[in-house]
Amino acid sequence: MPGTPSRRASGRSFERTLFTEPVLYVSREAEPTTASQEYGVFDRHGLRIGGVAVTTPSFPRRVIQHLWKSDQYVSRRFEVRDANQSTVLKVEKPSKDPSAHFVVTRADRTPIGEIIPTDAGRVRFTLRAEGKTIATVVASGRQRCEVTVEDPAGTEVAQVGIPSPELSPIRGNACLAEIPQQVPEPLASMLVATTLTIDIALTA
């Protein structure tokens, strides 16, 4: 299927991708490009293996927000890209959506699932796919990107936090995304989309 990411490889694989690395660093400092702003994604050795691009047109967004004093009419679009700048996942908040949920698709817009905000205590988002809840995103710290992701049984399957400056392989502000275990689709793609974009999506 076009745009379908490969499954997490075994420990013997030397290929490093967004879907095979258990530890990823997402820069919080945007790199302006000709068509979008992009945040680099790096492996634990500091090798850039992808990026998250904000593809929402910035000027129309600012105009609408100014006129309506709200962002409920503004769609937000992000693309998760691999090391070759090929889009592997798309994350979008549709305009005029009062729930502000995000839709996750593959590069060819094949639906994968939804990231739905919730006010249930420390639970910040629910991940849904194929008509059922497959995980919840729980706040674990004070900063917006400090969260853990748990499956329906309450088992932690991913974590996002702030890396120690002494241990981070990249300079500057970053978020640390960890997906230590292999999980099946659609959860695998939903975890990558959520952990890599959550900090950017809440501020862009």
N, C-alpha and C. Protein backbone atom coordinates (compact mmCIF):
# COMPACT_ATOMS: atom_id res chain seq x y z
N MET A 1 0.85 -1.20 0.00
CA MET A 1 0.00 0.00 0.00
C MET A 1 0.88 1.25 0.00
N PRO A 2 0.65 2.20 -0.90
CA PRO A 2 1.48 3.39 -0.94
C PRO A 2 1.42 4.13 0.38
N GLY A 3 2.60 4.54 0.84
CA GLY A 3 2.66 5.34 2.05
C GLY A 3 2.56 4.54 3.34
N THR A 4 2.45 3.20 3.23
CA THR A 4 2.34 2.38 4.42
C THR A 4 3.72 2.14 5.00
N PRO A 5 3.96 2.49 6.26
CA PRO A 5 5.28 2.31 6.85
C PRO A 5 5.56 0.85 7.13
N SER A 6 6.84 0.50 7.14
CA SER A 6 7.22 -0.86 7.47
C SER A 6 7.07 -1.08 8.97
N ARG A 7 6.93 -2.33 9.36
CA ARG A 7 6.83 -2.65 10.78
C ARG A 7 8.18 -2.47 11.45
N ARG A 8 8.17 -2.38 12.76
CA ARG A 8 9.41 -2.23 13.51
C ARG A 8 10.29 -3.44 13.24
N ALA A 9 11.54 -3.17 12.88
CA ALA A 9 12.46 -4.24 12.50
C ALA A 9 13.01 -4.95 13.73
N SER A 10 13.62 -6.09 13.50
CA SER A 10 14.22 -6.83 14.60
C SER A 10 15.51 -6.15 15.03
N GLY A 11 16.08 -6.62 16.14
CA GLY A 11 17.30 -6.02 16.66
C GLY A 11 18.48 -6.22 15.73
N ARG A 12 18.37 -7.15 14.77
CA ARG A 12 19.48 -7.39 13.86
C ARG A 12 19.45 -6.47 12.66
N SER A 13 18.40 -5.69 12.52
CA SER A 13 18.30 -4.79 11.38
C SER A 13 19.16 -3.55 11.61
N PHE A 14 19.87 -3.11 10.56
CA PHE A 14 20.70 -1.92 10.65
C PHE A 14 19.99 -0.71 10.11
N GLU A 15 18.78 -0.88 9.60
CA GLU A 15 18.02 0.24 9.08
C GLU A 15 17.44 1.05 10.24
N ARG A 16 17.67 2.35 10.19
CA ARG A 16 17.14 3.22 11.23
C ARG A 16 16.08 4.12 10.63
N THR A 17 14.85 3.94 11.06
CA THR A 17 13.75 4.74 10.56
C THR A 17 12.89 5.18 11.74
N LEU A 18 11.90 6.01 11.43
CA LEU A 18 10.97 6.47 12.46
C LEU A 18 10.20 5.31 13.08
N PHE A 19 10.09 4.20 12.35
CA PHE A 19 9.30 3.06 12.80
C PHE A 19 10.14 1.92 13.38
N THR A 20 11.45 2.09 13.39
CA THR A 20 12.31 1.04 13.93
C THR A 20 13.09 1.48 15.15
N GLU A 21 13.23 2.79 15.35
CA GLU A 21 14.02 3.29 16.47
C GLU A 21 13.19 3.39 17.75
N PRO A 22 13.66 2.81 18.84
CA PRO A 22 12.90 2.89 20.11
C PRO A 22 13.03 4.25 20.79
N VAL A 23 14.04 5.03 20.42
CA VAL A 23 14.28 6.34 21.02
C VAL A 23 14.45 7.38 19.92
N LEU A 24 13.67 8.45 19.99
CA LEU A 24 13.75 9.53 19.00
C LEU A 24 13.75 10.87 19.70
N TYR A 25 14.51 11.79 19.15
CA TYR A 25 14.58 13.16 19.66
C TYR A 25 13.95 14.10 18.64
N VAL A 26 12.97 14.89 19.09
CA VAL A 26 12.29 15.83 18.21
C VAL A 26 12.72 17.24 18.59
N SER A 27 13.34 17.95 17.67
CA SER A 27 13.78 19.31 17.95
C SER A 27 12.57 20.20 18.18
N ARG A 28 12.67 21.12 19.13
CA ARG A 28 11.60 22.08 19.40
C ARG A 28 11.92 23.42 18.73
N GLU A 29 12.94 23.41 17.88
CA GLU A 29 13.35 24.61 17.17
C GLU A 29 13.12 24.40 15.68
N ALA A 30 12.19 25.16 15.11
CA ALA A 30 11.78 24.96 13.72
C ALA A 30 12.87 25.39 12.75
N GLU A 31 12.92 24.67 11.64
CA GLU A 31 13.81 25.02 10.54
C GLU A 31 12.94 25.53 9.40
N PRO A 32 12.95 26.84 9.12
CA PRO A 32 12.12 27.38 8.03
C PRO A 32 12.53 26.79 6.68
N THR A 33 11.54 26.37 5.90
CA THR A 33 11.78 25.89 4.54
C THR A 33 10.94 26.73 3.59
N THR A 34 11.01 26.42 2.30
CA THR A 34 10.29 27.22 1.32
C THR A 34 8.78 27.08 1.44
N ALA A 35 8.31 25.93 1.89
CA ALA A 35 6.86 25.70 1.92
C ALA A 35 6.30 25.45 3.31
N SER A 36 7.16 25.26 4.32
CA SER A 36 6.66 24.92 5.64
C SER A 36 7.74 25.15 6.67
N GLN A 37 7.36 24.96 7.94
CA GLN A 37 8.34 24.91 9.01
C GLN A 37 8.53 23.45 9.36
N GLU A 38 9.76 23.04 9.57
CA GLU A 38 10.02 21.64 9.85
C GLU A 38 10.86 21.48 11.11
N TYR A 39 10.50 20.47 11.91
CA TYR A 39 11.20 20.15 13.14
C TYR A 39 11.92 18.82 12.93
N GLY A 40 13.22 18.82 13.10
CA GLY A 40 13.99 17.62 12.85
C GLY A 40 13.74 16.52 13.86
N VAL A 41 13.82 15.27 13.40
CA VAL A 41 13.70 14.09 14.26
C VAL A 41 15.00 13.30 14.13
N PHE A 42 15.62 12.95 15.27
CA PHE A 42 16.94 12.34 15.29
C PHE A 42 16.92 11.06 16.10
N ASP A 43 17.82 10.14 15.76
CA ASP A 43 17.93 8.91 16.55
C ASP A 43 18.83 9.15 17.75
N ARG A 44 19.09 8.13 18.53
CA ARG A 44 19.85 8.30 19.78
C ARG A 44 21.31 8.64 19.55
N HIS A 45 21.78 8.52 18.29
CA HIS A 45 23.15 8.89 17.96
C HIS A 45 23.25 10.30 17.37
N GLY A 46 22.10 10.97 17.24
CA GLY A 46 22.10 12.31 16.67
C GLY A 46 21.98 12.34 15.17
N LEU A 47 21.70 11.18 14.54
CA LEU A 47 21.52 11.12 13.09
C LEU A 47 20.09 11.53 12.74
N ARG A 48 19.95 12.47 11.83
CA ARG A 48 18.61 12.89 11.44
C ARG A 48 17.98 11.82 10.57
N ILE A 49 16.82 11.32 11.01
CA ILE A 49 16.14 10.26 10.26
C ILE A 49 14.73 10.67 9.86
N GLY A 50 14.38 11.94 10.05
CA GLY A 50 13.05 12.39 9.65
C GLY A 50 12.77 13.79 10.12
N GLY A 51 11.50 14.17 10.05
CA GLY A 51 11.09 15.49 10.47
C GLY A 51 9.58 15.59 10.57
N VAL A 52 9.12 16.61 11.26
CA VAL A 52 7.69 16.93 11.34
C VAL A 52 7.51 18.31 10.73
N ALA A 53 6.76 18.38 9.63
CA ALA A 53 6.54 19.65 8.94
C ALA A 53 5.16 20.20 9.25
N VAL A 54 5.11 21.49 9.54
CA VAL A 54 3.84 22.19 9.73
C VAL A 54 3.45 22.73 8.36
N THR A 55 2.40 22.16 7.78
CA THR A 55 2.01 22.54 6.42
C THR A 55 0.78 23.42 6.38
N THR A 56 0.27 23.85 7.56
CA THR A 56 -0.84 24.79 7.59
C THR A 56 -0.37 26.13 7.05
N PRO A 57 -1.08 26.71 6.07
CA PRO A 57 -0.69 28.03 5.59
C PRO A 57 -0.70 29.04 6.73
N SER A 58 0.44 29.70 6.99
CA SER A 58 0.55 30.56 8.15
C SER A 58 -0.22 31.87 8.01
N PHE A 59 -0.20 32.49 6.84
CA PHE A 59 -0.85 33.80 6.70
C PHE A 59 -2.37 33.69 6.83
N PRO A 60 -3.05 32.80 6.11
CA PRO A 60 -4.50 32.65 6.30
C PRO A 60 -4.86 32.30 7.73
N ARG A 61 -4.04 31.48 8.39
CA ARG A 61 -4.33 31.11 9.76
C ARG A 61 -4.33 32.33 10.67
N ARG A 62 -3.33 33.19 10.51
CA ARG A 62 -3.24 34.38 11.35
C ARG A 62 -4.42 35.32 11.10
N VAL A 63 -4.82 35.47 9.83
CA VAL A 63 -5.93 36.36 9.50
C VAL A 63 -7.22 35.87 10.14
N ILE A 64 -7.51 34.57 10.00
CA ILE A 64 -8.75 34.01 10.53
C ILE A 64 -8.76 34.08 12.05
N GLN A 65 -7.63 33.79 12.67
CA GLN A 65 -7.58 33.87 14.13
C GLN A 65 -7.81 35.30 14.61
N HIS A 66 -7.29 36.26 13.87
CA HIS A 66 -7.47 37.66 14.24
C HIS A 66 -8.94 38.08 14.10
N LEU A 67 -9.58 37.66 13.02
CA LEU A 67 -10.96 38.07 12.77
C LEU A 67 -11.94 37.40 13.72
N TRP A 68 -11.71 36.11 14.00
CA TRP A 68 -12.66 35.35 14.79
C TRP A 68 -12.25 35.23 16.27
N LYS A 69 -11.04 35.67 16.59
CA LYS A 69 -10.54 35.57 17.97
C LYS A 69 -10.56 34.13 18.46
N SER A 70 -10.42 33.22 17.56
CA SER A 70 -10.48 31.81 17.92
C SER A 70 -9.82 30.99 16.83
N ASP A 71 -9.37 29.77 17.20
CA ASP A 71 -8.77 28.90 16.18
C ASP A 71 -9.70 27.75 15.80
N GLN A 72 -10.98 27.81 16.21
CA GLN A 72 -11.88 26.69 15.92
C GLN A 72 -12.19 26.56 14.43
N TYR A 73 -11.96 27.64 13.65
CA TYR A 73 -12.23 27.56 12.23
C TYR A 73 -10.97 27.29 11.41
N VAL A 74 -9.87 27.05 12.09
CA VAL A 74 -8.60 26.88 11.41
C VAL A 74 -8.16 25.42 11.44
N SER A 75 -7.93 24.86 10.27
CA SER A 75 -7.40 23.51 10.22
C SER A 75 -5.91 23.57 10.53
N ARG A 76 -5.39 22.51 11.11
CA ARG A 76 -3.96 22.41 11.37
C ARG A 76 -3.45 21.14 10.73
N ARG A 77 -2.39 21.27 9.98
CA ARG A 77 -1.89 20.13 9.22
C ARG A 77 -0.41 19.91 9.48
N PHE A 78 -0.07 18.64 9.67
CA PHE A 78 1.32 18.27 9.92
C PHE A 78 1.65 17.04 9.09
N GLU A 79 2.90 16.94 8.68
CA GLU A 79 3.36 15.77 7.94
C GLU A 79 4.57 15.19 8.64
N VAL A 80 4.53 13.89 8.89
CA VAL A 80 5.69 13.19 9.42
C VAL A 80 6.45 12.65 8.22
N ARG A 81 7.72 13.07 8.10
CA ARG A 81 8.52 12.73 6.93
C ARG A 81 9.73 11.90 7.32
N ASP A 82 10.16 11.03 6.39
CA ASP A 82 11.34 10.21 6.67
C ASP A 82 12.61 10.94 6.27
N ALA A 83 13.74 10.25 6.31
CA ALA A 83 15.03 10.87 6.03
C ALA A 83 15.15 11.36 4.60
N ASN A 84 14.33 10.80 3.70
CA ASN A 84 14.36 11.21 2.29
C ASN A 84 13.32 12.27 1.97
N GLN A 85 12.72 12.84 3.01
CA GLN A 85 11.70 13.88 2.88
C GLN A 85 10.40 13.35 2.28
N SER A 86 10.21 12.04 2.31
CA SER A 86 8.95 11.45 1.85
C SER A 86 7.96 11.44 3.02
N THR A 87 6.73 11.84 2.76
CA THR A 87 5.71 11.85 3.81
C THR A 87 5.26 10.42 4.11
N VAL A 88 5.28 10.05 5.39
CA VAL A 88 4.83 8.71 5.78
C VAL A 88 3.52 8.75 6.55
N LEU A 89 3.25 9.88 7.24
CA LEU A 89 2.00 10.04 7.98
C LEU A 89 1.55 11.49 7.88
N LYS A 90 0.23 11.68 7.93
CA LYS A 90 -0.34 13.03 7.97
C LYS A 90 -1.23 13.15 9.19
N VAL A 91 -1.15 14.30 9.85
CA VAL A 91 -1.97 14.57 11.04
C VAL A 91 -2.67 15.90 10.82
N GLU A 92 -4.00 15.91 10.93
CA GLU A 92 -4.75 17.13 10.63
C GLU A 92 -5.91 17.33 11.59
N LYS A 93 -6.06 18.57 12.05
CA LYS A 93 -7.26 18.95 12.80
C LYS A 93 -8.18 19.65 11.83
N PRO A 94 -9.32 19.05 11.48
CA PRO A 94 -10.24 19.68 10.53
C PRO A 94 -10.75 21.02 11.04
N SER A 95 -11.00 21.94 10.12
CA SER A 95 -11.56 23.23 10.51
C SER A 95 -13.01 23.05 10.96
N LYS A 96 -13.50 24.01 11.75
CA LYS A 96 -14.87 24.00 12.28
C LYS A 96 -15.15 22.75 13.09
N ASP A 97 -14.12 22.25 13.77
CA ASP A 97 -14.29 21.05 14.60
C ASP A 97 -14.24 21.46 16.06
N PRO A 98 -15.37 21.53 16.74
CA PRO A 98 -15.40 21.99 18.13
C PRO A 98 -14.64 21.07 19.08
N SER A 99 -14.46 19.81 18.73
CA SER A 99 -13.75 18.89 19.61
C SER A 99 -12.25 18.97 19.44
N ALA A 100 -11.80 19.64 18.38
CA ALA A 100 -10.36 19.83 18.12
C ALA A 100 -9.61 18.52 18.01
N HIS A 101 -10.26 17.46 17.52
CA HIS A 101 -9.57 16.19 17.39
C HIS A 101 -8.69 16.20 16.14
N PHE A 102 -7.68 15.33 16.15
CA PHE A 102 -6.76 15.23 15.03
C PHE A 102 -7.01 13.91 14.30
N VAL A 103 -6.98 13.96 12.97
CA VAL A 103 -7.15 12.78 12.14
C VAL A 103 -5.79 12.34 11.63
N VAL A 104 -5.46 11.07 11.77
CA VAL A 104 -4.18 10.53 11.32
C VAL A 104 -4.41 9.66 10.09
N THR A 105 -3.65 9.93 9.04
CA THR A 105 -3.77 9.14 7.80
C THR A 105 -2.37 8.78 7.30
N ARG A 106 -2.35 7.89 6.33
CA ARG A 106 -1.09 7.61 5.65
C ARG A 106 -0.85 8.70 4.61
N ALA A 107 0.27 8.62 3.91
CA ALA A 107 0.62 9.65 2.94
C ALA A 107 -0.43 9.79 1.85
N ASP A 108 -1.08 8.67 1.48
CA ASP A 108 -2.11 8.70 0.44
C ASP A 108 -3.49 9.00 0.99
N ARG A 109 -3.54 9.46 2.26
CA ARG A 109 -4.77 9.82 2.97
C ARG A 109 -5.65 8.62 3.34
N THR A 110 -5.08 7.44 3.33
CA THR A 110 -5.80 6.29 3.87
C THR A 110 -5.96 6.48 5.37
N PRO A 111 -7.18 6.45 5.90
CA PRO A 111 -7.40 6.70 7.33
C PRO A 111 -6.72 5.66 8.21
N ILE A 112 -6.17 6.13 9.34
CA ILE A 112 -5.59 5.24 10.34
C ILE A 112 -6.36 5.35 11.64
N GLY A 113 -6.54 6.58 12.14
CA GLY A 113 -7.24 6.76 13.40
C GLY A 113 -7.39 8.21 13.78
N GLU A 114 -7.78 8.44 15.04
CA GLU A 114 -8.01 9.80 15.53
C GLU A 114 -7.34 10.00 16.88
N ILE A 115 -6.91 11.22 17.13
CA ILE A 115 -6.39 11.64 18.42
C ILE A 115 -7.42 12.60 18.99
N ILE A 116 -8.11 12.18 20.04
CA ILE A 116 -9.27 12.94 20.55
C ILE A 116 -8.97 13.49 21.94
N PRO A 117 -9.09 14.80 22.14
CA PRO A 117 -8.84 15.38 23.46
C PRO A 117 -9.92 14.98 24.46
N THR A 118 -9.54 14.92 25.73
CA THR A 118 -10.48 14.56 26.77
C THR A 118 -10.14 15.32 28.05
N ASP A 119 -11.12 15.51 28.90
CA ASP A 119 -10.92 16.20 30.17
C ASP A 119 -11.01 15.25 31.36
N ALA A 120 -10.81 13.98 31.11
CA ALA A 120 -10.96 12.97 32.17
C ALA A 120 -9.71 12.91 33.04
N GLY A 121 -9.64 13.80 34.02
CA GLY A 121 -8.51 13.79 34.94
C GLY A 121 -7.19 14.06 34.25
N ARG A 122 -6.22 13.15 34.42
CA ARG A 122 -4.91 13.32 33.83
C ARG A 122 -4.84 12.83 32.40
N VAL A 123 -5.90 12.20 31.92
CA VAL A 123 -5.93 11.73 30.53
C VAL A 123 -6.11 12.92 29.60
N ARG A 124 -5.18 13.13 28.71
CA ARG A 124 -5.22 14.29 27.83
C ARG A 124 -5.83 13.97 26.47
N PHE A 125 -5.54 12.76 25.95
CA PHE A 125 -6.05 12.37 24.65
C PHE A 125 -6.40 10.88 24.65
N THR A 126 -7.36 10.53 23.78
CA THR A 126 -7.69 9.14 23.52
C THR A 126 -7.32 8.83 22.08
N LEU A 127 -6.65 7.72 21.85
CA LEU A 127 -6.32 7.30 20.49
C LEU A 127 -7.34 6.25 20.06
N ARG A 128 -8.02 6.51 18.95
CA ARG A 128 -9.04 5.60 18.46
C ARG A 128 -8.71 5.17 17.03
N ALA A 129 -9.01 3.92 16.74
CA ALA A 129 -8.82 3.38 15.39
C ALA A 129 -9.76 2.21 15.21
N GLU A 130 -10.28 2.07 14.02
CA GLU A 130 -11.19 0.97 13.70
C GLU A 130 -12.36 0.91 14.66
N GLY A 131 -12.83 2.09 15.09
CA GLY A 131 -14.02 2.17 15.92
C GLY A 131 -13.84 1.86 17.39
N LYS A 132 -12.59 1.77 17.86
CA LYS A 132 -12.38 1.46 19.27
C LYS A 132 -11.17 2.22 19.82
N THR A 133 -11.14 2.36 21.14
CA THR A 133 -10.01 3.01 21.80
C THR A 133 -8.83 2.04 21.85
N ILE A 134 -7.68 2.50 21.37
CA ILE A 134 -6.50 1.63 21.36
C ILE A 134 -5.42 2.12 22.32
N ALA A 135 -5.55 3.35 22.83
CA ALA A 135 -4.59 3.87 23.80
C ALA A 135 -5.08 5.19 24.36
N THR A 136 -4.49 5.59 25.49
CA THR A 136 -4.78 6.89 26.07
C THR A 136 -3.45 7.60 26.34
N VAL A 137 -3.48 8.92 26.22
CA VAL A 137 -2.30 9.75 26.47
C VAL A 137 -2.51 10.44 27.81
N VAL A 138 -1.63 10.16 28.76
CA VAL A 138 -1.78 10.62 30.13
C VAL A 138 -0.68 11.62 30.47
N ALA A 139 -1.04 12.75 31.05
CA ALA A 139 -0.06 13.75 31.45
C ALA A 139 0.84 13.18 32.55
N SER A 140 2.15 13.37 32.39
CA SER A 140 3.09 12.84 33.38
C SER A 140 4.00 13.92 33.95
N GLY A 141 3.85 15.15 33.47
CA GLY A 141 4.69 16.25 33.94
C GLY A 141 4.02 17.58 33.68
N ARG A 142 4.73 18.65 33.96
CA ARG A 142 4.16 19.97 33.81
C ARG A 142 4.16 20.48 32.38
N GLN A 143 5.15 20.07 31.59
CA GLN A 143 5.22 20.56 30.22
C GLN A 143 4.30 19.78 29.32
N ARG A 144 3.86 20.42 28.24
CA ARG A 144 2.85 19.81 27.37
C ARG A 144 3.31 18.50 26.72
N CYS A 145 4.63 18.36 26.52
CA CYS A 145 5.09 17.14 25.85
C CYS A 145 5.49 16.05 26.84
N GLU A 146 5.25 16.26 28.13
CA GLU A 146 5.55 15.23 29.11
C GLU A 146 4.32 14.34 29.33
N VAL A 147 4.27 13.23 28.60
CA VAL A 147 3.12 12.34 28.66
C VAL A 147 3.58 10.89 28.58
N THR A 148 2.71 10.00 29.01
CA THR A 148 2.88 8.58 28.78
C THR A 148 1.67 8.10 27.98
N VAL A 149 1.87 7.05 27.20
CA VAL A 149 0.78 6.47 26.41
C VAL A 149 0.56 5.05 26.90
N GLU A 150 -0.69 4.75 27.24
CA GLU A 150 -1.03 3.44 27.79
C GLU A 150 -2.05 2.74 26.90
N ASP A 151 -1.91 1.42 26.79
CA ASP A 151 -2.89 0.65 26.03
C ASP A 151 -4.12 0.43 26.90
N PRO A 152 -5.19 -0.19 26.36
CA PRO A 152 -6.43 -0.36 27.14
C PRO A 152 -6.25 -1.15 28.43
N ALA A 153 -5.18 -1.94 28.53
CA ALA A 153 -4.94 -2.71 29.75
C ALA A 153 -4.16 -1.91 30.78
N GLY A 154 -3.78 -0.68 30.44
CA GLY A 154 -3.04 0.16 31.37
C GLY A 154 -1.53 -0.01 31.28
N THR A 155 -1.06 -0.76 30.28
CA THR A 155 0.38 -0.97 30.10
C THR A 155 0.98 0.20 29.31
N GLU A 156 2.08 0.73 29.79
CA GLU A 156 2.73 1.84 29.09
C GLU A 156 3.38 1.34 27.80
N VAL A 157 3.04 1.99 26.68
CA VAL A 157 3.58 1.59 25.38
C VAL A 157 4.45 2.67 24.76
N ALA A 158 4.41 3.88 25.31
CA ALA A 158 5.25 4.97 24.80
C ALA A 158 5.34 6.06 25.85
N GLN A 159 6.35 6.89 25.70
CA GLN A 159 6.55 7.99 26.64
C GLN A 159 7.20 9.16 25.91
N VAL A 160 6.80 10.36 26.28
CA VAL A 160 7.41 11.57 25.73
C VAL A 160 7.81 12.46 26.89
N GLY A 161 9.01 13.00 26.83
CA GLY A 161 9.48 13.85 27.91
C GLY A 161 10.59 14.77 27.46
N ILE A 162 11.21 15.44 28.41
CA ILE A 162 12.31 16.35 28.13
C ILE A 162 13.62 15.63 28.43
N PRO A 163 14.51 15.49 27.44
CA PRO A 163 15.76 14.77 27.69
C PRO A 163 16.74 15.58 28.53
N SER A 164 17.61 14.89 29.19
CA SER A 164 18.68 15.54 29.93
C SER A 164 19.65 16.17 28.93
N PRO A 165 20.01 17.43 29.12
CA PRO A 165 20.95 18.08 28.18
C PRO A 165 22.27 17.32 28.06
N GLU A 166 22.70 16.67 29.14
CA GLU A 166 23.96 15.94 29.11
C GLU A 166 23.88 14.68 28.25
N LEU A 167 22.69 14.13 28.12
CA LEU A 167 22.53 12.88 27.38
C LEU A 167 21.98 13.07 25.97
N SER A 168 21.40 14.23 25.69
CA SER A 168 20.81 14.46 24.38
C SER A 168 21.89 14.54 23.30
N PRO A 169 21.71 13.84 22.17
CA PRO A 169 22.71 13.88 21.10
C PRO A 169 22.59 15.11 20.20
N ILE A 170 21.57 15.94 20.43
CA ILE A 170 21.39 17.13 19.61
C ILE A 170 21.42 18.37 20.48
N ARG A 171 21.76 19.49 19.88
CA ARG A 171 21.81 20.75 20.61
C ARG A 171 20.44 21.41 20.65
N GLY A 172 20.25 22.23 21.66
CA GLY A 172 19.01 23.00 21.74
C GLY A 172 17.88 22.24 22.39
N ASN A 173 16.72 22.86 22.40
CA ASN A 173 15.50 22.30 22.99
C ASN A 173 15.02 21.08 22.22
N ALA A 174 14.59 20.07 22.93
CA ALA A 174 14.10 18.86 22.25
C ALA A 174 13.13 18.12 23.14
N CYS A 175 12.31 17.28 22.51
CA CYS A 175 11.46 16.32 23.23
C CYS A 175 12.01 14.92 22.96
N LEU A 176 11.93 14.07 23.94
CA LEU A 176 12.40 12.69 23.81
C LEU A 176 11.19 11.77 23.70
N ALA A 177 11.07 11.07 22.58
CA ALA A 177 9.97 10.13 22.36
C ALA A 177 10.51 8.71 22.42
N GLU A 178 9.88 7.87 23.26
CA GLU A 178 10.33 6.49 23.42
C GLU A 178 9.18 5.52 23.15
N ILE A 179 9.43 4.61 22.22
CA ILE A 179 8.48 3.52 21.93
C ILE A 179 9.30 2.24 22.00
N PRO A 180 9.50 1.69 23.19
CA PRO A 180 10.49 0.63 23.38
C PRO A 180 10.13 -0.73 22.80
N GLN A 181 8.84 -1.04 22.68
CA GLN A 181 8.44 -2.37 22.24
C GLN A 181 7.73 -2.35 20.89
N GLN A 182 7.86 -3.43 20.16
CA GLN A 182 7.14 -3.57 18.90
C GLN A 182 5.65 -3.74 19.19
N VAL A 183 4.83 -2.99 18.47
CA VAL A 183 3.37 -3.09 18.61
C VAL A 183 2.77 -3.24 17.22
N PRO A 184 1.58 -3.84 17.12
CA PRO A 184 0.96 -4.04 15.81
C PRO A 184 0.32 -2.77 15.29
N GLU A 185 0.02 -2.75 13.99
CA GLU A 185 -0.77 -1.68 13.41
C GLU A 185 -2.24 -1.88 13.81
N PRO A 186 -3.03 -0.81 13.95
CA PRO A 186 -2.70 0.59 13.67
C PRO A 186 -2.02 1.32 14.83
N LEU A 187 -1.82 0.63 15.97
CA LEU A 187 -1.24 1.30 17.12
C LEU A 187 0.16 1.82 16.82
N ALA A 188 0.95 1.07 16.05
CA ALA A 188 2.32 1.49 15.74
C ALA A 188 2.34 2.86 15.08
N SER A 189 1.52 3.04 14.06
CA SER A 189 1.48 4.33 13.36
C SER A 189 0.89 5.43 14.23
N MET A 190 -0.11 5.08 15.04
CA MET A 190 -0.72 6.08 15.92
C MET A 190 0.28 6.55 16.97
N LEU A 191 1.13 5.65 17.46
CA LEU A 191 2.13 6.05 18.43
C LEU A 191 3.17 6.98 17.82
N VAL A 192 3.63 6.65 16.62
CA VAL A 192 4.60 7.51 15.94
C VAL A 192 4.00 8.89 15.69
N ALA A 193 2.78 8.91 15.15
CA ALA A 193 2.12 10.19 14.85
C ALA A 193 1.93 11.01 16.12
N THR A 194 1.51 10.37 17.20
CA THR A 194 1.23 11.09 18.44
C THR A 194 2.49 11.59 19.13
N THR A 195 3.46 10.70 19.32
CA THR A 195 4.66 11.08 20.07
C THR A 195 5.50 12.12 19.34
N LEU A 196 5.50 12.09 18.01
CA LEU A 196 6.34 13.02 17.26
C LEU A 196 5.68 14.38 17.05
N THR A 197 4.35 14.44 17.12
CA THR A 197 3.67 15.71 16.80
C THR A 197 3.00 16.37 17.99
N ILE A 198 2.87 15.71 19.13
CA ILE A 198 2.05 16.26 20.21
C ILE A 198 2.53 17.63 20.67
N ASP A 199 3.83 17.81 20.85
CA ASP A 199 4.33 19.09 21.31
C ASP A 199 4.10 20.19 20.28
N ILE A 200 4.36 19.86 19.01
CA ILE A 200 4.19 20.83 17.93
C ILE A 200 2.72 21.15 17.69
N ALA A 201 1.87 20.12 17.73
CA ALA A 201 0.44 20.31 17.46
C ALA A 201 -0.23 21.21 18.49
N LEU A 202 0.24 21.18 19.72
CA LEU A 202 -0.38 21.97 20.77
C LEU A 202 0.07 23.43 20.76
N THR A 203 1.04 23.74 19.90
CA THR A 203 1.54 25.12 19.87
C THR A 203 1.50 25.75 18.49
N ALA A 204 1.50 24.94 17.42
CA ALA A 204 1.57 25.50 16.06
C ALA A 204 0.28 26.19 15.66
